[in-house]
Amino acid sequence: MNKELILGKNIQNWLWEYPLLRKMIKTEEVFWINPKLTNFNEASKNLSLTEEDVLDARNRLERFAPYISKVFPETMKTKGIIESPLVEISNMKKLIENQYDFYLPGNLFLKCDSHLPISGSIKARGGIYEVLTHAEKLAAENNKLSLEDDYSVLDSNEFREFFSQYSIAVGSTGNLGLSIGIMSAKIGFNVTVHMSADAKQWKKDLLKSKGVNVIEYDSDYSKAVEEGRKQALSDEKCYFIDDENSKTLFLGYAVAASRLKQQLDEINIIIDKDHPLFVYLPCGVGGGPGGVAFGLKLIFKDNVHCFFGEPTHSPCMLLGLMTQEHDRVCVQDFGIDNITDADGLAVGRASGFVGKTLEHMISGDYTVQDETLYTLLKSLADSENIYLEPSALASIAGAINLFKIDSGYKYLSKNSLEKSIKNATHISWATGGSMVPKNEMYQYYRKGSLQD
């Protein structure tokens, strides 16, 4: 355990102030309820982003839809809108109730961002959106594009040559790099993805096959981000996509909320005080789940309850929220190694921007062992024939924790949900999986079998 001072306090002081840290340091699974959660009207008073900002992002994505549809034929059915299915997983609900000996009141759905077109993960929302935002800005500044144009004109040699003057850099554990690399290369940018040691080889290989420059590091996510930042600082035509602090990424993710509402409306699911919504979001640095949670709170306000799920070895957002120190602390400060098979969640230091934005809106955070992720991966495959990458299964663990642990019941009681919980809708947000190679997925499934 770290014997040096952390932000001026020794480890014993930290443990006295935050007793849950003892279990976190031992990499045990924990469930934390946010004591700073308040009603939406109060929480929204000091926000730097608004509903208008999210609407602007939605409109921008609609402007780009004709281009997306043209260059990515897999989006033609949705006319260039990058969206994922919402699927009820009643077989999985029964299986986990039996497996973990608990009762889950209400319906359980899977939001399949694992099957988003183009890059097969939640990062297709924010990552692609920020690349397109930057492209639109450059084209408009150089009088090559106006808001009234048909954006399918971007699919031309003229525009590809124009964008080839510019570069994009990003640091990633894998999925963000995929979305930004694929989109940037398609539109014509020179793009470099700085990949951390935990990024899967198949993701690196896929990027290289798309003409993306991939730089690999023996260190973790923070090093990859640092190097990406350095690259951008040394070249005035290089744009750095900052997963830790980007409001643009955040807004791209937030657009998911209005589309989810539309999907719920289509299947006649009401969300109100008597029909609460619970959403469980796997969390790494925080941008993806934070943006989605922000968008959901704007729409459903106090009737939605959002929980983040993290690996026991990388609980950076929980650490930041619980201590209220956000990005001033990292898991390594407390001797937690940040080594997990959930590569998209292998982050040691959370986004301070996301933590501070959501500190009064997020309901709680929980951690999951890698072994649990693999067990749930196999269970979902067996019960629903849906295959996800390990990190995505952190979403399924949320509903189990809420109804198996005392603090979960305390949350329901504190928020007067004991009666309405029987009408609840639970959504596990599946963040990635459809692009995992079959042989890799088979290995994941086998690991799940070994946990039985």
Protein backbone atom coordinates (compact mmCIF):
# COMPACT_ATOMS: atom_id res chain seq x y z
CA MET A 1 0.00 0.00 0.00
CA ASN A 2 1.17 3.55 -0.78
CA LYS A 3 2.98 4.98 2.27
CA GLU A 4 3.50 8.44 0.74
CA LEU A 5 1.09 11.32 1.23
CA ILE A 6 -1.78 11.58 -1.26
CA LEU A 7 -2.93 15.18 -1.65
CA GLY A 8 -1.35 15.91 1.73
CA LYS A 9 -3.04 13.04 3.62
CA ASN A 10 -1.63 9.68 4.63
CA ILE A 11 -3.43 6.47 3.74
CA GLN A 12 -4.88 6.00 7.23
CA ASN A 13 -6.62 9.37 7.02
CA TRP A 14 -8.08 8.44 3.64
CA LEU A 15 -9.35 5.13 4.99
CA TRP A 16 -10.88 6.79 8.04
CA GLU A 17 -12.66 9.37 5.86
CA TYR A 18 -13.76 6.89 3.17
CA PRO A 19 -14.13 3.40 4.69
CA LEU A 20 -15.21 1.91 1.34
CA LEU A 21 -11.62 2.47 0.15
CA ARG A 22 -10.52 -0.57 2.17
CA LYS A 23 -12.51 -2.89 -0.08
CA MET A 24 -11.56 -0.96 -3.21
CA ILE A 25 -7.85 -1.29 -2.38
CA LYS A 26 -8.36 -5.04 -1.93
CA THR A 27 -10.08 -5.03 -5.38
CA GLU A 28 -13.30 -6.39 -3.88
CA GLU A 29 -16.66 -5.65 -5.49
CA VAL A 30 -18.40 -2.63 -3.94
CA PHE A 31 -21.66 -0.72 -4.42
CA TRP A 32 -21.65 3.00 -3.65
CA ILE A 33 -24.63 5.34 -3.37
CA ASN A 34 -23.92 8.98 -4.18
CA PRO A 35 -24.67 11.15 -1.09
CA LYS A 36 -24.51 14.29 -3.26
CA LEU A 37 -27.38 13.23 -5.54
CA THR A 38 -30.04 15.92 -5.56
CA ASN A 39 -33.18 16.74 -7.57
CA PHE A 40 -32.67 17.68 -11.20
CA ASN A 41 -33.80 21.30 -10.92
CA GLU A 42 -31.22 21.92 -8.20
CA ALA A 43 -28.47 19.94 -9.94
CA SER A 44 -28.95 21.73 -13.26
CA LYS A 45 -28.40 25.24 -11.90
CA ASN A 46 -24.63 25.24 -12.38
CA LEU A 47 -24.31 23.21 -15.58
CA SER A 48 -22.10 24.52 -18.38
CA LEU A 49 -24.07 22.55 -21.02
CA THR A 50 -27.77 22.77 -21.84
CA GLU A 51 -30.56 21.03 -23.71
CA GLU A 52 -29.91 23.42 -26.61
CA ASP A 53 -26.33 22.15 -26.86
CA VAL A 54 -27.58 18.56 -27.17
CA LEU A 55 -30.16 19.60 -29.76
CA ASP A 56 -27.41 21.32 -31.75
CA ALA A 57 -25.42 18.06 -31.70
CA ARG A 58 -28.46 16.09 -32.85
CA ASN A 59 -29.03 18.52 -35.73
CA ARG A 60 -25.38 18.29 -36.78
CA LEU A 61 -25.59 14.50 -36.95
CA GLU A 62 -28.71 14.83 -39.09
CA ARG A 63 -26.88 17.18 -41.48
CA PHE A 64 -24.15 14.57 -41.87
CA ALA A 65 -26.61 11.69 -42.34
CA PRO A 66 -26.61 11.81 -46.19
CA TYR A 67 -22.79 11.59 -46.16
CA ILE A 68 -22.75 8.77 -43.58
CA SER A 69 -25.33 6.83 -45.57
CA LYS A 70 -23.24 7.19 -48.73
CA VAL A 71 -19.84 6.15 -47.35
CA PHE A 72 -21.02 3.54 -44.84
CA PRO A 73 -23.63 1.40 -46.68
CA GLU A 74 -24.47 -0.42 -43.42
CA THR A 75 -26.27 2.78 -42.33
CA MET A 76 -28.51 3.03 -45.41
CA LYS A 77 -31.47 1.40 -43.65
CA THR A 78 -31.39 4.14 -40.99
CA LYS A 79 -30.67 6.84 -43.62
CA GLY A 80 -27.26 7.63 -42.16
CA ILE A 81 -28.35 7.85 -38.52
CA ILE A 82 -25.98 5.82 -36.33
CA GLU A 83 -28.27 4.13 -33.81
CA SER A 84 -28.55 0.81 -31.97
CA PRO A 85 -31.47 -1.49 -31.12
CA LEU A 86 -33.18 -1.69 -27.75
CA VAL A 87 -33.86 -5.35 -26.95
CA GLU A 88 -35.79 -6.91 -24.09
CA ILE A 89 -33.72 -9.71 -22.53
CA SER A 90 -36.30 -11.59 -20.47
CA ASN A 91 -34.42 -14.91 -20.72
CA MET A 92 -31.30 -13.26 -19.29
CA LYS A 93 -33.42 -11.71 -16.53
CA LYS A 94 -34.67 -15.15 -15.47
CA LEU A 95 -31.19 -16.65 -15.72
CA ILE A 96 -29.49 -14.06 -13.49
CA GLU A 97 -32.36 -14.18 -10.98
CA ASN A 98 -31.73 -17.93 -10.62
CA GLN A 99 -27.95 -17.64 -10.84
CA TYR A 100 -27.63 -14.90 -8.21
CA ASP A 101 -30.74 -15.77 -6.13
CA PHE A 102 -32.59 -12.44 -6.25
CA TYR A 103 -35.72 -10.93 -7.78
CA LEU A 104 -35.51 -8.10 -10.33
CA PRO A 105 -38.84 -6.21 -10.40
CA GLY A 106 -39.79 -4.74 -13.77
CA ASN A 107 -38.44 -5.40 -17.26
CA LEU A 108 -34.78 -5.74 -18.31
CA PHE A 109 -33.59 -4.35 -21.65
CA LEU A 110 -30.25 -4.25 -23.41
CA LYS A 111 -29.30 -1.07 -25.27
CA CYS A 112 -27.13 -2.59 -27.99
CA ASP A 113 -24.46 0.06 -28.60
CA SER A 114 -22.38 -3.09 -29.01
CA HIS A 115 -23.97 -3.27 -32.46
CA LEU A 116 -23.71 0.37 -33.53
CA PRO A 117 -22.70 0.66 -37.19
CA ILE A 118 -19.17 1.61 -38.26
CA SER A 119 -17.19 0.85 -35.10
CA GLY A 120 -19.40 -1.43 -32.98
CA SER A 121 -19.30 0.39 -29.66
CA ILE A 122 -20.70 3.34 -27.72
CA LYS A 123 -17.66 5.30 -28.93
CA ALA A 124 -19.29 5.44 -32.38
CA ARG A 125 -21.48 8.15 -30.85
CA GLY A 126 -19.00 10.61 -29.38
CA GLY A 127 -15.91 9.74 -31.42
CA ILE A 128 -17.54 9.97 -34.83
CA TYR A 129 -19.46 13.08 -33.77
CA GLU A 130 -16.31 14.97 -32.78
CA VAL A 131 -14.53 14.08 -36.04
CA LEU A 132 -17.54 15.33 -38.02
CA THR A 133 -17.79 18.50 -35.92
CA HIS A 134 -14.14 19.30 -36.65
CA ALA A 135 -14.57 18.54 -40.37
CA GLU A 136 -17.62 20.80 -40.60
CA LYS A 137 -15.78 23.63 -38.86
CA LEU A 138 -12.75 23.40 -41.18
CA ALA A 139 -14.88 23.19 -44.31
CA ALA A 140 -17.06 26.13 -43.25
CA GLU A 141 -14.07 28.31 -42.31
CA ASN A 142 -12.60 27.71 -45.77
CA ASN A 143 -15.92 28.51 -47.51
CA LYS A 144 -16.29 24.96 -48.79
CA LEU A 145 -19.51 24.06 -46.98
CA SER A 146 -22.64 25.78 -45.70
CA LEU A 147 -25.40 24.51 -43.40
CA GLU A 148 -27.82 24.39 -46.34
CA ASP A 149 -25.62 22.05 -48.43
CA ASP A 150 -26.22 18.36 -49.01
CA TYR A 151 -23.34 16.97 -46.95
CA SER A 152 -22.96 13.97 -49.23
CA VAL A 153 -20.70 16.29 -51.30
CA LEU A 154 -18.02 15.53 -48.70
CA ASP A 155 -17.55 12.16 -50.40
CA SER A 156 -15.34 13.53 -53.14
CA ASN A 157 -11.66 13.72 -54.06
CA GLU A 158 -11.81 17.48 -53.61
CA PHE A 159 -12.83 17.21 -49.96
CA ARG A 160 -10.53 14.27 -49.22
CA GLU A 161 -7.59 16.29 -50.58
CA PHE A 162 -8.69 19.27 -48.50
CA PHE A 163 -8.92 17.26 -45.27
CA SER A 164 -5.61 15.50 -45.99
CA GLN A 165 -3.85 18.77 -45.07
CA TYR A 166 -5.00 18.22 -41.49
CA SER A 167 -4.29 15.62 -38.80
CA ILE A 168 -6.21 14.15 -35.88
CA ALA A 169 -4.66 12.51 -32.81
CA VAL A 170 -6.24 10.59 -29.95
CA GLY A 171 -5.17 8.40 -27.02
CA SER A 172 -7.26 5.28 -26.47
CA THR A 173 -7.60 1.88 -24.80
CA GLY A 174 -9.27 0.65 -27.99
CA ASN A 175 -12.87 1.53 -28.84
CA LEU A 176 -12.54 5.31 -29.02
CA GLY A 177 -9.50 4.82 -31.23
CA LEU A 178 -11.55 2.59 -33.52
CA SER A 179 -14.37 5.09 -33.99
CA ILE A 180 -12.09 8.11 -34.47
CA GLY A 181 -9.59 6.24 -36.64
CA ILE A 182 -12.20 4.73 -38.97
CA MET A 183 -14.17 7.99 -39.36
CA SER A 184 -11.11 10.24 -39.75
CA ALA A 185 -9.51 8.00 -42.36
CA LYS A 186 -12.78 7.77 -44.31
CA ILE A 187 -13.27 11.53 -44.55
CA GLY A 188 -9.60 12.12 -45.47
CA PHE A 189 -7.75 13.22 -42.34
CA ASN A 190 -4.30 11.93 -41.44
CA VAL A 191 -5.04 10.19 -38.17
CA THR A 192 -2.83 8.79 -35.41
CA VAL A 193 -4.22 6.64 -32.60
CA HIS A 194 -1.98 6.32 -29.53
CA MET A 195 -2.89 2.96 -27.98
CA SER A 196 -2.30 1.87 -24.38
CA ALA A 197 -0.80 -1.52 -23.48
CA ASP A 198 -4.21 -3.01 -22.61
CA ALA A 199 -5.69 -2.32 -26.07
CA LYS A 200 -6.54 -5.57 -27.85
CA GLN A 201 -4.33 -6.52 -30.81
CA TRP A 202 -7.28 -7.04 -33.15
CA LYS A 203 -8.33 -3.42 -32.62
CA LYS A 204 -4.84 -2.22 -33.54
CA ASP A 205 -4.79 -4.47 -36.61
CA LEU A 206 -8.20 -3.26 -37.77
CA LEU A 207 -7.12 0.37 -37.52
CA LYS A 208 -3.94 -0.29 -39.48
CA SER A 209 -5.99 -1.99 -42.21
CA LYS A 210 -7.99 1.25 -42.55
CA GLY A 211 -4.85 3.33 -43.11
CA VAL A 212 -4.63 4.65 -39.56
CA ASN A 213 -1.24 5.31 -37.98
CA VAL A 214 -1.18 3.31 -34.72
CA ILE A 215 1.45 3.97 -32.04
CA GLU A 216 1.62 1.40 -29.24
CA TYR A 217 2.81 1.93 -25.66
CA ASP A 218 3.84 -0.38 -22.85
CA SER A 219 2.10 1.93 -20.41
CA ASP A 220 -1.57 2.59 -19.62
CA TYR A 221 -4.26 4.92 -20.96
CA SER A 222 -2.85 8.09 -19.37
CA LYS A 223 0.44 7.71 -21.30
CA ALA A 224 -1.41 7.24 -24.59
CA VAL A 225 -3.42 10.42 -23.98
CA GLU A 226 -0.29 12.35 -22.96
CA GLU A 227 1.50 11.37 -26.18
CA GLY A 228 -1.50 12.24 -28.33
CA ARG A 229 -1.62 15.67 -26.71
CA LYS A 230 2.09 16.19 -27.39
CA GLN A 231 1.64 15.33 -31.05
CA ALA A 232 -1.11 17.94 -31.45
CA LEU A 233 0.90 20.63 -29.65
CA SER A 234 3.78 20.16 -32.09
CA ASP A 235 1.62 20.63 -35.21
CA GLU A 236 -0.80 23.55 -35.64
CA LYS A 237 -2.81 21.53 -38.19
CA CYS A 238 -3.24 18.61 -35.80
CA TYR A 239 -6.43 18.39 -33.75
CA PHE A 240 -6.35 16.40 -30.50
CA ILE A 241 -9.53 14.66 -29.40
CA ASP A 242 -9.39 14.78 -25.63
CA ASP A 243 -11.34 11.89 -24.12
CA GLU A 244 -10.75 13.29 -20.64
CA ASN A 245 -12.15 16.80 -21.15
CA SER A 246 -14.00 17.06 -24.47
CA LYS A 247 -17.44 18.69 -24.32
CA THR A 248 -17.90 17.80 -27.99
CA LEU A 249 -17.48 14.06 -27.33
CA PHE A 250 -19.80 14.40 -24.35
CA LEU A 251 -22.55 16.00 -26.45
CA GLY A 252 -22.26 13.31 -29.12
CA TYR A 253 -22.99 10.70 -26.46
CA ALA A 254 -25.83 12.78 -24.99
CA VAL A 255 -27.80 12.60 -28.26
CA ALA A 256 -28.45 8.90 -27.44
CA ALA A 257 -31.01 9.91 -24.80
CA SER A 258 -33.62 11.47 -27.11
CA ARG A 259 -33.32 8.49 -29.44
CA LEU A 260 -33.80 6.09 -26.54
CA LYS A 261 -36.93 7.97 -25.53
CA GLN A 262 -38.26 7.51 -29.05
CA GLN A 263 -37.55 3.75 -28.84
CA LEU A 264 -39.35 3.53 -25.49
CA ASP A 265 -42.31 5.46 -26.91
CA GLU A 266 -42.51 3.04 -29.85
CA ILE A 267 -42.96 0.07 -27.49
CA ASN A 268 -45.36 1.99 -25.23
CA ILE A 269 -43.06 2.19 -22.21
CA ILE A 270 -43.89 5.15 -20.01
CA ILE A 271 -41.26 6.77 -17.81
CA ASP A 272 -42.66 8.87 -14.97
CA LYS A 273 -42.75 8.97 -11.17
CA ASP A 274 -44.74 5.73 -11.03
CA HIS A 275 -42.69 4.05 -13.77
CA PRO A 276 -39.00 4.75 -13.00
CA LEU A 277 -36.09 4.08 -15.35
CA PHE A 278 -32.83 2.52 -14.13
CA VAL A 279 -29.81 2.66 -16.44
CA TYR A 280 -26.51 0.84 -15.85
CA LEU A 281 -23.50 2.16 -17.75
CA PRO A 282 -19.98 0.69 -17.97
CA CYS A 283 -17.50 3.45 -17.16
CA GLY A 284 -13.86 4.08 -18.06
CA VAL A 285 -12.69 7.69 -18.16
CA GLY A 286 -16.35 8.73 -18.06
CA GLY A 287 -17.14 10.54 -21.32
CA GLY A 288 -19.46 7.93 -22.88
CA PRO A 289 -21.52 6.97 -19.84
CA GLY A 290 -21.40 10.55 -18.57
CA GLY A 291 -22.77 11.98 -21.80
CA VAL A 292 -25.54 9.39 -21.98
CA ALA A 293 -26.48 9.94 -18.31
CA PHE A 294 -26.50 13.72 -18.84
CA GLY A 295 -28.83 13.39 -21.84
CA LEU A 296 -31.13 11.04 -19.92
CA LYS A 297 -31.36 13.42 -16.94
CA LEU A 298 -32.27 16.30 -19.28
CA ILE A 299 -35.22 14.28 -20.61
CA PHE A 300 -36.41 12.15 -17.68
CA LYS A 301 -35.09 14.29 -14.82
CA ASP A 302 -35.77 12.68 -11.40
CA ASN A 303 -37.47 9.66 -12.96
CA VAL A 304 -34.21 8.18 -14.26
CA HIS A 305 -31.57 6.64 -12.02
CA CYS A 306 -28.13 6.22 -13.60
CA PHE A 307 -25.39 3.98 -12.19
CA PHE A 308 -21.82 3.57 -13.43
CA GLY A 309 -20.09 0.18 -13.43
CA GLU A 310 -16.28 -0.22 -13.30
CA PRO A 311 -13.73 -3.04 -12.97
CA THR A 312 -12.52 -3.68 -9.42
CA HIS A 313 -8.98 -2.97 -10.63
CA SER A 314 -9.86 0.37 -12.31
CA PRO A 315 -12.47 2.18 -10.16
CA CYS A 316 -11.32 5.67 -11.18
CA MET A 317 -14.73 7.36 -11.46
CA LEU A 318 -15.91 5.93 -8.15
CA LEU A 319 -12.68 7.13 -6.51
CA GLY A 320 -13.08 10.62 -7.98
CA LEU A 321 -16.78 10.98 -7.13
CA MET A 322 -16.53 9.48 -3.63
CA THR A 323 -13.58 11.65 -2.55
CA GLN A 324 -14.83 14.66 -4.58
CA GLU A 325 -11.23 15.01 -5.81
CA HIS A 326 -12.15 13.82 -9.33
CA ASP A 327 -9.06 13.86 -11.59
CA ARG A 328 -6.76 14.95 -8.76
CA VAL A 329 -6.52 11.31 -7.64
CA CYS A 330 -5.88 8.09 -9.54
CA VAL A 331 -6.28 4.43 -8.60
CA GLN A 332 -2.50 3.92 -8.63
CA ASP A 333 -2.20 6.46 -5.78
CA PHE A 334 -3.88 3.84 -3.60
CA GLY A 335 -1.95 0.83 -4.89
CA ILE A 336 -4.70 -0.37 -7.25
CA ASP A 337 -3.00 -1.71 -10.39
CA ASN A 338 -5.47 -0.69 -13.16
CA ILE A 339 -5.02 -4.09 -14.84
CA THR A 340 -8.24 -5.59 -16.21
CA ASP A 341 -9.47 -7.60 -19.19
CA ALA A 342 -12.19 -4.96 -19.61
CA ASP A 343 -9.89 -2.94 -21.87
CA GLY A 344 -12.31 -0.10 -22.57
CA LEU A 345 -12.61 0.50 -18.82
CA ALA A 346 -8.90 0.21 -17.98
CA VAL A 347 -8.49 3.82 -16.86
CA GLY A 348 -6.70 4.95 -13.72
CA ARG A 349 -7.78 8.60 -13.63
CA ALA A 350 -11.34 9.76 -14.34
CA SER A 351 -12.41 12.80 -16.32
CA GLY A 352 -12.65 15.75 -13.96
CA PHE A 353 -15.05 17.46 -16.36
CA VAL A 354 -17.47 14.51 -16.33
CA GLY A 355 -17.20 13.94 -12.59
CA LYS A 356 -17.90 17.57 -11.74
CA THR A 357 -20.74 17.81 -14.28
CA LEU A 358 -22.53 14.75 -12.91
CA GLU A 359 -21.61 14.85 -9.22
CA HIS A 360 -25.20 15.83 -8.24
CA MET A 361 -26.93 13.69 -10.90
CA ILE A 362 -25.38 10.23 -10.79
CA SER A 363 -27.16 7.79 -8.49
CA GLY A 364 -24.19 5.59 -7.69
CA ASP A 365 -21.26 3.48 -8.84
CA TYR A 366 -20.33 -0.17 -8.43
CA THR A 367 -17.35 -2.37 -9.26
CA VAL A 368 -17.17 -5.79 -10.92
CA GLN A 369 -14.55 -8.54 -10.93
CA ASP A 370 -13.27 -9.68 -14.34
CA GLU A 371 -14.44 -13.20 -13.46
CA THR A 372 -18.00 -11.89 -13.01
CA LEU A 373 -17.84 -10.18 -16.41
CA TYR A 374 -16.92 -13.47 -18.09
CA THR A 375 -19.66 -15.38 -16.25
CA LEU A 376 -22.25 -12.82 -17.36
CA LEU A 377 -20.84 -12.85 -20.91
CA LYS A 378 -21.47 -16.59 -21.18
CA SER A 379 -24.91 -16.27 -19.54
CA LEU A 380 -26.03 -13.62 -22.05
CA ALA A 381 -24.74 -15.67 -24.97
CA ASP A 382 -26.52 -18.80 -23.70
CA SER A 383 -29.82 -17.10 -22.87
CA GLU A 384 -30.16 -14.50 -25.64
CA ASN A 385 -27.54 -15.45 -28.26
CA ILE A 386 -26.00 -11.99 -27.83
CA TYR A 387 -22.22 -11.78 -27.60
CA LEU A 388 -20.54 -8.76 -25.98
CA GLU A 389 -16.98 -7.88 -25.08
CA PRO A 390 -16.19 -8.28 -21.35
CA SER A 391 -16.37 -4.58 -20.44
CA ALA A 392 -19.97 -4.33 -21.72
CA LEU A 393 -21.15 -6.89 -19.16
CA ALA A 394 -20.48 -4.40 -16.35
CA SER A 395 -23.92 -3.07 -17.31
CA ILE A 396 -25.70 -6.33 -16.40
CA ALA A 397 -24.02 -6.40 -12.99
CA GLY A 398 -25.74 -3.14 -12.02
CA ALA A 399 -29.24 -4.56 -11.67
CA ILE A 400 -27.89 -7.54 -9.72
CA ASN A 401 -26.06 -5.28 -7.27
CA LEU A 402 -28.98 -2.93 -6.74
CA PHE A 403 -31.21 -5.76 -5.52
CA LYS A 404 -28.64 -7.95 -3.77
CA ILE A 405 -26.82 -5.46 -1.58
CA ASP A 406 -28.18 -3.59 1.45
CA SER A 407 -27.05 -0.20 0.16
CA GLY A 408 -29.13 -0.83 -2.98
CA TYR A 409 -32.26 -1.26 -0.87
CA LYS A 410 -31.33 1.86 1.07
CA TYR A 411 -31.23 3.77 -2.22
CA LEU A 412 -34.74 2.59 -3.12
CA SER A 413 -36.03 3.53 0.31
CA LYS A 414 -34.31 6.93 0.40
CA ASN A 415 -35.81 7.83 -2.98
CA SER A 416 -39.32 6.51 -2.15
CA LEU A 417 -39.16 3.84 -4.84
CA GLU A 418 -40.47 0.86 -2.84
CA LYS A 419 -43.93 0.95 -4.49
CA SER A 420 -43.04 2.13 -8.00
CA ILE A 421 -40.11 -0.29 -8.39
CA LYS A 422 -42.49 -3.03 -9.53
CA ASN A 423 -43.17 -0.88 -12.64
CA ALA A 424 -39.50 -0.17 -13.31
CA THR A 425 -37.70 -0.42 -16.63
CA HIS A 426 -34.05 -1.48 -16.36
CA ILE A 427 -31.63 -0.81 -19.20
CA SER A 428 -28.16 -2.33 -19.31
CA TRP A 429 -26.06 -0.31 -21.76
CA ALA A 430 -24.01 -2.75 -23.86
CA THR A 431 -21.00 -0.70 -24.88
CA GLY A 432 -19.15 -2.99 -27.32
CA GLY A 433 -18.84 -6.43 -28.85
CA SER A 434 -20.10 -6.88 -32.41
CA MET A 435 -16.70 -6.28 -34.02
CA VAL A 436 -14.80 -8.73 -31.82
CA PRO A 437 -13.29 -11.47 -34.06
CA LYS A 438 -14.99 -14.86 -33.66
CA ASN A 439 -11.88 -16.62 -32.32
CA GLU A 440 -11.44 -13.87 -29.72
CA MET A 441 -15.08 -14.07 -28.69
CA TYR A 442 -14.76 -17.84 -28.37
CA GLN A 443 -11.92 -17.34 -25.89
CA TYR A 444 -14.09 -14.93 -23.88
CA TYR A 445 -16.91 -17.50 -23.83
CA ARG A 446 -14.52 -20.24 -22.72
CA LYS A 447 -13.33 -18.10 -19.82
CA GLY A 448 -16.98 -17.68 -18.82
CA SER A 449 -17.38 -21.45 -18.90
CA LEU A 450 -14.41 -21.85 -16.57
CA GLN A 451 -16.09 -19.60 -13.99
CA ASP A 452 -19.13 -21.93 -13.73
